[in-house]
Amino acid sequence: MTSSSWKNEINYPDYDCKKCNQSKCWIVGYFKDSGGADKYPYVCYNCGTKTQHYVKRKLVELNGLRPENVSSNIPPYFCEVCNAEGA
């Protein structure tokens, strides 16, 4: 029988930040995308640059992380009828 514990680990990027060239500088961030879904990107703690790689919500919860709030590059959508955000 094989162990699946590696599936519960967060694998931080092994590359340097492209903006500030800092190494081992990644933390998990959090924002809601334009559709209202929770997203957890890797974010450079030095300059705030987000990567295109994301952590699954399940892993964030399993590891007890409190992600840093970061802004989304895309403004949220609003319903034209009821003005609800993320519609």
PDB file of N, CA and C in Angstrom:
ATOM      1  N   MET A   1       0.855  -1.176   0.000  1.00  0.00           N
ATOM      2  CA  MET A   1       0.000   0.000   0.000  1.00  0.00           C
ATOM      3  C   MET A   1       0.900   1.238   0.000  1.00  0.00           C
ATOM      4  N   THR A   2       0.530   2.217  -0.806  1.00  0.00           N
ATOM      5  CA  THR A   2       1.334   3.431  -0.913  1.00  0.00           C
ATOM      6  C   THR A   2       0.725   4.545  -0.080  1.00  0.00           C
ATOM      7  N   SER A   3       1.558   5.451   0.351  1.00  0.00           N
ATOM      8  CA  SER A   3       1.119   6.579   1.156  1.00  0.00           C
ATOM      9  C   SER A   3       0.663   7.717   0.247  1.00  0.00           C
ATOM     10  N   SER A   4      -0.412   8.375   0.630  1.00  0.00           N
ATOM     11  CA  SER A   4      -0.891   9.520  -0.143  1.00  0.00           C
ATOM     12  C   SER A   4      -0.681  10.821   0.616  1.00  0.00           C
ATOM     13  N   SER A   5       0.192  10.825   1.626  1.00  0.00           N
ATOM     14  CA  SER A   5       0.398  12.041   2.415  1.00  0.00           C
ATOM     15  C   SER A   5       0.969  13.182   1.579  1.00  0.00           C
ATOM     16  N   TRP A   6       1.702  12.859   0.506  1.00  0.00           N
ATOM     17  CA  TRP A   6       2.254  13.913  -0.345  1.00  0.00           C
ATOM     18  C   TRP A   6       1.161  14.742  -1.001  1.00  0.00           C
ATOM     19  N   LYS A   7      -0.033  14.168  -1.156  1.00  0.00           N
ATOM     20  CA  LYS A   7      -1.135  14.899  -1.767  1.00  0.00           C
ATOM     21  C   LYS A   7      -1.668  15.984  -0.843  1.00  0.00           C
ATOM     22  N   ASN A   8      -1.343  15.901   0.449  1.00  0.00           N
ATOM     23  CA  ASN A   8      -1.820  16.879   1.415  1.00  0.00           C
ATOM     24  C   ASN A   8      -0.797  17.963   1.706  1.00  0.00           C
ATOM     25  N   GLU A   9       0.305  17.948   0.980  1.00  0.00           N
ATOM     26  CA  GLU A   9       1.352  18.937   1.190  1.00  0.00           C
ATOM     27  C   GLU A   9       1.271  20.029   0.133  1.00  0.00           C
ATOM     28  N   ILE A  10       1.580  21.245   0.538  1.00  0.00           N
ATOM     29  CA  ILE A  10       1.619  22.363  -0.399  1.00  0.00           C
ATOM     30  C   ILE A  10       3.028  22.452  -0.951  1.00  0.00           C
ATOM     31  N   ASN A  11       3.152  22.398  -2.250  1.00  0.00           N
ATOM     32  CA  ASN A  11       4.455  22.478  -2.911  1.00  0.00           C
ATOM     33  C   ASN A  11       4.666  23.895  -3.429  1.00  0.00           C
ATOM     34  N   TYR A  12       5.410  24.679  -2.657  1.00  0.00           N
ATOM     35  CA  TYR A  12       5.681  26.058  -3.046  1.00  0.00           C
ATOM     36  C   TYR A  12       6.576  26.090  -4.288  1.00  0.00           C
ATOM     37  N   PRO A  13       6.438  27.120  -5.134  1.00  0.00           N
ATOM     38  CA  PRO A  13       7.275  27.211  -6.336  1.00  0.00           C
ATOM     39  C   PRO A  13       8.760  27.193  -5.989  1.00  0.00           C
ATOM     40  N   ASP A  14       9.531  26.558  -6.866  1.00  0.00           N
ATOM     41  CA  ASP A  14      10.977  26.487  -6.636  1.00  0.00           C
ATOM     42  C   ASP A  14      11.744  27.482  -7.500  1.00  0.00           C
ATOM     43  N   TYR A  15      11.045  28.438  -8.099  1.00  0.00           N
ATOM     44  CA  TYR A  15      11.698  29.454  -8.926  1.00  0.00           C
ATOM     45  C   TYR A  15      11.673  30.800  -8.209  1.00  0.00           C
ATOM     46  N   ASP A  16      12.529  31.704  -8.633  1.00  0.00           N
ATOM     47  CA  ASP A  16      12.615  33.048  -8.045  1.00  0.00           C
ATOM     48  C   ASP A  16      11.474  33.913  -8.571  1.00  0.00           C
ATOM     49  N   CYS A  17      11.144  34.951  -7.819  1.00  0.00           N
ATOM     50  CA  CYS A  17      10.143  35.920  -8.255  1.00  0.00           C
ATOM     51  C   CYS A  17      10.674  36.635  -9.497  1.00  0.00           C
ATOM     52  N   LYS A  18       9.834  36.751 -10.514  1.00  0.00           N
ATOM     53  CA  LYS A  18      10.272  37.382 -11.759  1.00  0.00           C
ATOM     54  C   LYS A  18      10.403  38.892 -11.641  1.00  0.00           C
ATOM     55  N   LYS A  19       9.738  39.483 -10.656  1.00  0.00           N
ATOM     56  CA  LYS A  19       9.775  40.940 -10.521  1.00  0.00           C
ATOM     57  C   LYS A  19      10.944  41.408  -9.644  1.00  0.00           C
ATOM     58  N   CYS A  20      11.152  40.760  -8.487  1.00  0.00           N
ATOM     59  CA  CYS A  20      12.186  41.231  -7.561  1.00  0.00           C
ATOM     60  C   CYS A  20      13.370  40.266  -7.428  1.00  0.00           C
ATOM     61  N   ASN A  21      13.321  39.134  -8.147  1.00  0.00           N
ATOM     62  CA  ASN A  21      14.383  38.122  -8.147  1.00  0.00           C
ATOM     63  C   ASN A  21      14.668  37.513  -6.775  1.00  0.00           C
ATOM     64  N   GLN A  22      13.729  37.609  -5.858  1.00  0.00           N
ATOM     65  CA  GLN A  22      13.873  37.008  -4.536  1.00  0.00           C
ATOM     66  C   GLN A  22      13.634  35.505  -4.643  1.00  0.00           C
ATOM     67  N   SER A  23      14.399  34.702  -3.914  1.00  0.00           N
ATOM     68  CA  SER A  23      14.197  33.259  -3.928  1.00  0.00           C
ATOM     69  C   SER A  23      13.497  32.824  -2.646  1.00  0.00           C
ATOM     70  N   LYS A  24      12.743  31.740  -2.751  1.00  0.00           N
ATOM     71  CA  LYS A  24      11.997  31.178  -1.616  1.00  0.00           C
ATOM     72  C   LYS A  24      11.168  32.247  -0.907  1.00  0.00           C
ATOM     73  N   CYS A  25      10.408  32.985  -1.686  1.00  0.00           N
ATOM     74  CA  CYS A  25       9.675  34.134  -1.161  1.00  0.00           C
ATOM     75  C   CYS A  25       8.159  33.963  -1.231  1.00  0.00           C
ATOM     76  N   TRP A  26       7.671  32.748  -1.427  1.00  0.00           N
ATOM     77  CA  TRP A  26       6.256  32.552  -1.734  1.00  0.00           C
ATOM     78  C   TRP A  26       5.414  32.283  -0.497  1.00  0.00           C
ATOM     79  N   ILE A  27       4.243  32.939  -0.458  1.00  0.00           N
ATOM     80  CA  ILE A  27       3.219  32.673   0.531  1.00  0.00           C
ATOM     81  C   ILE A  27       1.930  32.404  -0.236  1.00  0.00           C
ATOM     82  N   VAL A  28       0.919  31.919   0.448  1.00  0.00           N
ATOM     83  CA  VAL A  28      -0.370  31.669  -0.196  1.00  0.00           C
ATOM     84  C   VAL A  28      -1.250  32.896  -0.013  1.00  0.00           C
ATOM     85  N   GLY A  29      -1.809  33.376  -1.115  1.00  0.00           N
ATOM     86  CA  GLY A  29      -2.706  34.528  -1.086  1.00  0.00           C
ATOM     87  C   GLY A  29      -4.147  34.092  -1.272  1.00  0.00           C
ATOM     88  N   TYR A  30      -5.051  35.052  -1.206  1.00  0.00           N
ATOM     89  CA  TYR A  30      -6.482  34.759  -1.360  1.00  0.00           C
ATOM     90  C   TYR A  30      -7.173  35.939  -2.016  1.00  0.00           C
ATOM     91  N   PHE A  31      -8.065  35.626  -2.973  1.00  0.00           N
ATOM     92  CA  PHE A  31      -8.968  36.629  -3.529  1.00  0.00           C
ATOM     93  C   PHE A  31     -10.162  35.919  -4.143  1.00  0.00           C
ATOM     94  N   LYS A  32     -11.212  36.659  -4.411  1.00  0.00           N
ATOM     95  CA  LYS A  32     -12.379  36.120  -5.117  1.00  0.00           C
ATOM     96  C   LYS A  32     -12.269  36.570  -6.559  1.00  0.00           C
ATOM     97  N   ASP A  33     -12.457  35.624  -7.488  1.00  0.00           N
ATOM     98  CA  ASP A  33     -12.389  35.999  -8.893  1.00  0.00           C
ATOM     99  C   ASP A  33     -13.682  36.678  -9.315  1.00  0.00           C
ATOM    100  N   SER A  34     -13.774  37.076 -10.570  1.00  0.00           N
ATOM    101  CA  SER A  34     -14.923  37.842 -11.045  1.00  0.00           C
ATOM    102  C   SER A  34     -16.227  37.056 -10.958  1.00  0.00           C
ATOM    103  N   GLY A  35     -16.157  35.733 -10.886  1.00  0.00           N
ATOM    104  CA  GLY A  35     -17.351  34.907 -10.749  1.00  0.00           C
ATOM    105  C   GLY A  35     -17.701  34.601  -9.306  1.00  0.00           C
ATOM    106  N   GLY A  36     -16.905  35.092  -8.356  1.00  0.00           N
ATOM    107  CA  GLY A  36     -17.180  34.885  -6.943  1.00  0.00           C
ATOM    108  C   GLY A  36     -16.503  33.662  -6.344  1.00  0.00           C
ATOM    109  N   ALA A  37     -15.679  32.963  -7.132  1.00  0.00           N
ATOM    110  CA  ALA A  37     -14.994  31.771  -6.631  1.00  0.00           C
ATOM    111  C   ALA A  37     -13.732  32.154  -5.858  1.00  0.00           C
ATOM    112  N   ASP A  38     -13.444  31.412  -4.796  1.00  0.00           N
ATOM    113  CA  ASP A  38     -12.234  31.638  -4.006  1.00  0.00           C
ATOM    114  C   ASP A  38     -11.015  31.130  -4.764  1.00  0.00           C
ATOM    115  N   LYS A  39      -9.952  31.925  -4.792  1.00  0.00           N
ATOM    116  CA  LYS A  39      -8.700  31.555  -5.459  1.00  0.00           C
ATOM    117  C   LYS A  39      -7.550  31.743  -4.490  1.00  0.00           C
ATOM    118  N   TYR A  40      -6.583  30.842  -4.549  1.00  0.00           N
ATOM    119  CA  TYR A  40      -5.435  30.856  -3.647  1.00  0.00           C
ATOM    120  C   TYR A  40      -4.136  30.806  -4.449  1.00  0.00           C
ATOM    121  N   PRO A  41      -3.670  31.950  -4.936  1.00  0.00           N
ATOM    122  CA  PRO A  41      -2.421  31.969  -5.707  1.00  0.00           C
ATOM    123  C   PRO A  41      -1.202  32.041  -4.787  1.00  0.00           C
ATOM    124  N   TYR A  42      -0.061  31.683  -5.337  1.00  0.00           N
ATOM    125  CA  TYR A  42       1.198  31.934  -4.636  1.00  0.00           C
ATOM    126  C   TYR A  42       1.541  33.401  -4.867  1.00  0.00           C
ATOM    127  N   VAL A  43       1.978  34.084  -3.805  1.00  0.00           N
ATOM    128  CA  VAL A  43       2.272  35.507  -3.865  1.00  0.00           C
ATOM    129  C   VAL A  43       3.653  35.741  -3.254  1.00  0.00           C
ATOM    130  N   CYS A  44       4.449  36.594  -3.896  1.00  0.00           N
ATOM    131  CA  CYS A  44       5.764  36.956  -3.357  1.00  0.00           C
ATOM    132  C   CYS A  44       5.555  37.863  -2.146  1.00  0.00           C
ATOM    133  N   TYR A  45       6.090  37.480  -0.993  1.00  0.00           N
ATOM    134  CA  TYR A  45       5.918  38.304   0.202  1.00  0.00           C
ATOM    135  C   TYR A  45       6.764  39.567   0.147  1.00  0.00           C
ATOM    136  N   ASN A  46       7.720  39.619  -0.769  1.00  0.00           N
ATOM    137  CA  ASN A  46       8.595  40.788  -0.877  1.00  0.00           C
ATOM    138  C   ASN A  46       7.951  41.907  -1.698  1.00  0.00           C
ATOM    139  N   CYS A  47       7.401  41.562  -2.871  1.00  0.00           N
ATOM    140  CA  CYS A  47       6.867  42.605  -3.762  1.00  0.00           C
ATOM    141  C   CYS A  47       5.374  42.458  -4.081  1.00  0.00           C
ATOM    142  N   GLY A  48       4.748  41.341  -3.675  1.00  0.00           N
ATOM    143  CA  GLY A  48       3.316  41.171  -3.900  1.00  0.00           C
ATOM    144  C   GLY A  48       2.932  40.598  -5.254  1.00  0.00           C
ATOM    145  N   THR A  49       3.893  40.156  -6.047  1.00  0.00           N
ATOM    146  CA  THR A  49       3.604  39.587  -7.360  1.00  0.00           C
ATOM    147  C   THR A  49       2.923  38.232  -7.221  1.00  0.00           C
ATOM    148  N   LYS A  50       1.811  38.042  -7.961  1.00  0.00           N
ATOM    149  CA  LYS A  50       1.103  36.767  -7.958  1.00  0.00           C
ATOM    150  C   LYS A  50       1.636  35.880  -9.078  1.00  0.00           C
ATOM    151  N   THR A  51       1.658  34.571  -8.831  1.00  0.00           N
ATOM    152  CA  THR A  51       2.031  33.621  -9.876  1.00  0.00           C
ATOM    153  C   THR A  51       0.775  33.166 -10.605  1.00  0.00           C
ATOM    154  N   GLN A  52       0.966  32.371 -11.633  1.00  0.00           N
ATOM    155  CA  GLN A  52      -0.157  31.757 -12.336  1.00  0.00           C
ATOM    156  C   GLN A  52      -0.482  30.386 -11.748  1.00  0.00           C
ATOM    157  N   HIS A  53       0.173  30.024 -10.653  1.00  0.00           N
ATOM    158  CA  HIS A  53      -0.037  28.736 -10.002  1.00  0.00           C
ATOM    159  C   HIS A  53      -0.879  28.935  -8.750  1.00  0.00           C
ATOM    160  N   TYR A  54      -1.786  28.007  -8.506  1.00  0.00           N
ATOM    161  CA  TYR A  54      -2.724  28.127  -7.405  1.00  0.00           C
ATOM    162  C   TYR A  54      -2.679  26.905  -6.498  1.00  0.00           C
ATOM    163  N   VAL A  55      -3.088  27.110  -5.245  1.00  0.00           N
ATOM    164  CA  VAL A  55      -3.217  26.043  -4.265  1.00  0.00           C
ATOM    165  C   VAL A  55      -4.693  25.683  -4.192  1.00  0.00           C
ATOM    166  N   LYS A  56      -4.999  24.404  -4.049  1.00  0.00           N
ATOM    167  CA  LYS A  56      -6.388  23.990  -3.910  1.00  0.00           C
ATOM    168  C   LYS A  56      -6.904  24.378  -2.529  1.00  0.00           C
ATOM    169  N   ARG A  57      -8.175  24.772  -2.484  1.00  0.00           N
ATOM    170  CA  ARG A  57      -8.792  25.186  -1.224  1.00  0.00           C
ATOM    171  C   ARG A  57      -8.696  24.085  -0.168  1.00  0.00           C
ATOM    172  N   LYS A  58      -8.868  22.854  -0.591  1.00  0.00           N
ATOM    173  CA  LYS A  58      -8.791  21.718   0.336  1.00  0.00           C
ATOM    174  C   LYS A  58      -7.438  21.691   1.046  1.00  0.00           C
ATOM    175  N   LEU A  59      -6.353  21.958   0.312  1.00  0.00           N
ATOM    176  CA  LEU A  59      -5.020  21.956   0.912  1.00  0.00           C
ATOM    177  C   LEU A  59      -4.841  23.112   1.886  1.00  0.00           C
ATOM    178  N   VAL A  60      -5.409  24.261   1.552  1.00  0.00           N
ATOM    179  CA  VAL A  60      -5.324  25.418   2.449  1.00  0.00           C
ATOM    180  C   VAL A  60      -6.010  25.086   3.767  1.00  0.00           C
ATOM    181  N   GLU A  61      -7.193  24.471   3.687  1.00  0.00           N
ATOM    182  CA  GLU A  61      -7.943  24.122   4.891  1.00  0.00           C
ATOM    183  C   GLU A  61      -7.242  23.016   5.676  1.00  0.00           C
ATOM    184  N   LEU A  62      -6.736  21.975   4.996  1.00  0.00           N
ATOM    185  CA  LEU A  62      -6.059  20.866   5.675  1.00  0.00           C
ATOM    186  C   LEU A  62      -4.809  21.313   6.419  1.00  0.00           C
ATOM    187  N   ASN A  63      -4.108  22.293   5.866  1.00  0.00           N
ATOM    188  CA  ASN A  63      -2.872  22.769   6.465  1.00  0.00           C
ATOM    189  C   ASN A  63      -3.085  23.923   7.441  1.00  0.00           C
ATOM    190  N   GLY A  64      -4.338  24.349   7.626  1.00  0.00           N
ATOM    191  CA  GLY A  64      -4.648  25.412   8.574  1.00  0.00           C
ATOM    192  C   GLY A  64      -4.041  26.757   8.220  1.00  0.00           C
ATOM    193  N   LEU A  65      -3.887  27.032   6.936  1.00  0.00           N
ATOM    194  CA  LEU A  65      -3.292  28.299   6.506  1.00  0.00           C
ATOM    195  C   LEU A  65      -4.291  29.441   6.594  1.00  0.00           C
ATOM    196  N   ARG A  66      -3.774  30.624   6.849  1.00  0.00           N
ATOM    197  CA  ARG A  66      -4.564  31.853   6.777  1.00  0.00           C
ATOM    198  C   ARG A  66      -3.960  32.697   5.668  1.00  0.00           C
ATOM    199  N   PRO A  67      -4.480  32.552   4.453  1.00  0.00           N
ATOM    200  CA  PRO A  67      -3.888  33.255   3.311  1.00  0.00           C
ATOM    201  C   PRO A  67      -3.994  34.772   3.425  1.00  0.00           C
ATOM    202  N   GLU A  68      -3.011  35.442   2.830  1.00  0.00           N
ATOM    203  CA  GLU A  68      -3.004  36.905   2.763  1.00  0.00           C
ATOM    204  C   GLU A  68      -4.023  37.363   1.715  1.00  0.00           C
ATOM    205  N   ASN A  69      -4.804  38.380   2.034  1.00  0.00           N
ATOM    206  CA  ASN A  69      -5.735  38.935   1.053  1.00  0.00           C
ATOM    207  C   ASN A  69      -4.952  39.710  -0.004  1.00  0.00           C
ATOM    208  N   VAL A  70      -5.214  39.390  -1.252  1.00  0.00           N
ATOM    209  CA  VAL A  70      -4.612  40.107  -2.377  1.00  0.00           C
ATOM    210  C   VAL A  70      -5.734  40.540  -3.304  1.00  0.00           C
ATOM    211  N   SER A  71      -5.486  41.539  -4.119  1.00  0.00           N
ATOM    212  CA  SER A  71      -6.525  42.027  -5.014  1.00  0.00           C
ATOM    213  C   SER A  71      -6.523  41.228  -6.311  1.00  0.00           C
ATOM    214  N   SER A  72      -7.693  41.089  -6.860  1.00  0.00           N
ATOM    215  CA  SER A  72      -7.848  40.440  -8.152  1.00  0.00           C
ATOM    216  C   SER A  72      -7.555  41.456  -9.238  1.00  0.00           C
ATOM    217  N   ASN A  73      -7.011  41.000 -10.342  1.00  0.00           N
ATOM    218  CA  ASN A  73      -6.743  41.900 -11.469  1.00  0.00           C
ATOM    219  C   ASN A  73      -8.007  42.221 -12.253  1.00  0.00           C
ATOM    220  N   ILE A  74      -9.052  41.440 -12.045  1.00  0.00           N
ATOM    221  CA  ILE A  74     -10.302  41.599 -12.791  1.00  0.00           C
ATOM    222  C   ILE A  74     -11.391  42.055 -11.827  1.00  0.00           C
ATOM    223  N   PRO A  75     -12.081  43.153 -12.121  1.00  0.00           N
ATOM    224  CA  PRO A  75     -13.144  43.591 -11.224  1.00  0.00           C
ATOM    225  C   PRO A  75     -14.295  42.582 -11.212  1.00  0.00           C
ATOM    226  N   PRO A  76     -15.011  42.469 -10.084  1.00  0.00           N
ATOM    227  CA  PRO A  76     -16.104  41.499 -10.010  1.00  0.00           C
ATOM    228  C   PRO A  76     -17.277  41.894 -10.898  1.00  0.00           C
ATOM    229  N   TYR A  77     -18.014  40.882 -11.340  1.00  0.00           N
ATOM    230  CA  TYR A  77     -19.238  41.118 -12.116  1.00  0.00           C
ATOM    231  C   TYR A  77     -20.385  41.358 -11.156  1.00  0.00           C
ATOM    232  N   PHE A  78     -21.335  42.167 -11.593  1.00  0.00           N
ATOM    233  CA  PHE A  78     -22.530  42.428 -10.811  1.00  0.00           C
ATOM    234  C   PHE A  78     -23.751  42.090 -11.653  1.00  0.00           C
ATOM    235  N   CYS A  79     -24.741  41.464 -11.010  1.00  0.00           N
ATOM    236  CA  CYS A  79     -25.981  41.111 -11.685  1.00  0.00           C
ATOM    237  C   CYS A  79     -26.697  42.391 -12.111  1.00  0.00           C
ATOM    238  N   GLU A  80     -27.174  42.421 -13.344  1.00  0.00           N
ATOM    239  CA  GLU A  80     -27.853  43.605 -13.859  1.00  0.00           C
ATOM    240  C   GLU A  80     -29.256  43.747 -13.288  1.00  0.00           C
ATOM    241  N   VAL A  81     -29.817  42.669 -12.736  1.00  0.00           N
ATOM    242  CA  VAL A  81     -31.173  42.708 -12.190  1.00  0.00           C
ATOM    243  C   VAL A  81     -31.157  43.070 -10.706  1.00  0.00           C
ATOM    244  N   CYS A  82     -30.372  42.301  -9.910  1.00  0.00           N
ATOM    245  CA  CYS A  82     -30.417  42.493  -8.455  1.00  0.00           C
ATOM    246  C   CYS A  82     -29.160  43.137  -7.891  1.00  0.00           C
ATOM    247  N   ASN A  83     -28.156  43.378  -8.737  1.00  0.00           N
ATOM    248  CA  ASN A  83     -26.897  44.013  -8.330  1.00  0.00           C
ATOM    249  C   ASN A  83     -26.058  43.162  -7.379  1.00  0.00           C
ATOM    250  N   ALA A  84     -26.270  41.829  -7.407  1.00  0.00           N
ATOM    251  CA  ALA A  84     -25.477  40.925  -6.557  1.00  0.00           C
ATOM    252  C   ALA A  84     -24.090  40.755  -7.155  1.00  0.00           C
ATOM    253  N   GLU A  85     -23.073  40.773  -6.291  1.00  0.00           N
ATOM    254  CA  GLU A  85     -21.694  40.628  -6.746  1.00  0.00           C
ATOM    255  C   GLU A  85     -21.417  39.177  -7.136  1.00  0.00           C
ATOM    256  N   GLY A  86     -20.659  38.987  -8.217  1.00  0.00           N
ATOM    257  CA  GLY A  86     -20.256  37.661  -8.650  1.00  0.00           C
ATOM    258  C   GLY A  86     -21.257  36.953  -9.545  1.00  0.00           C
ATOM    259  N   ALA A  87     -22.310  37.649  -9.949  1.00  0.00           N
ATOM    260  CA  ALA A  87     -23.333  37.029 -10.786  1.00  0.00           C
ATOM    261  C   ALA A  87     -22.947  37.062 -12.240  1.00  0.00           C
TER     262      ALA A  87
END
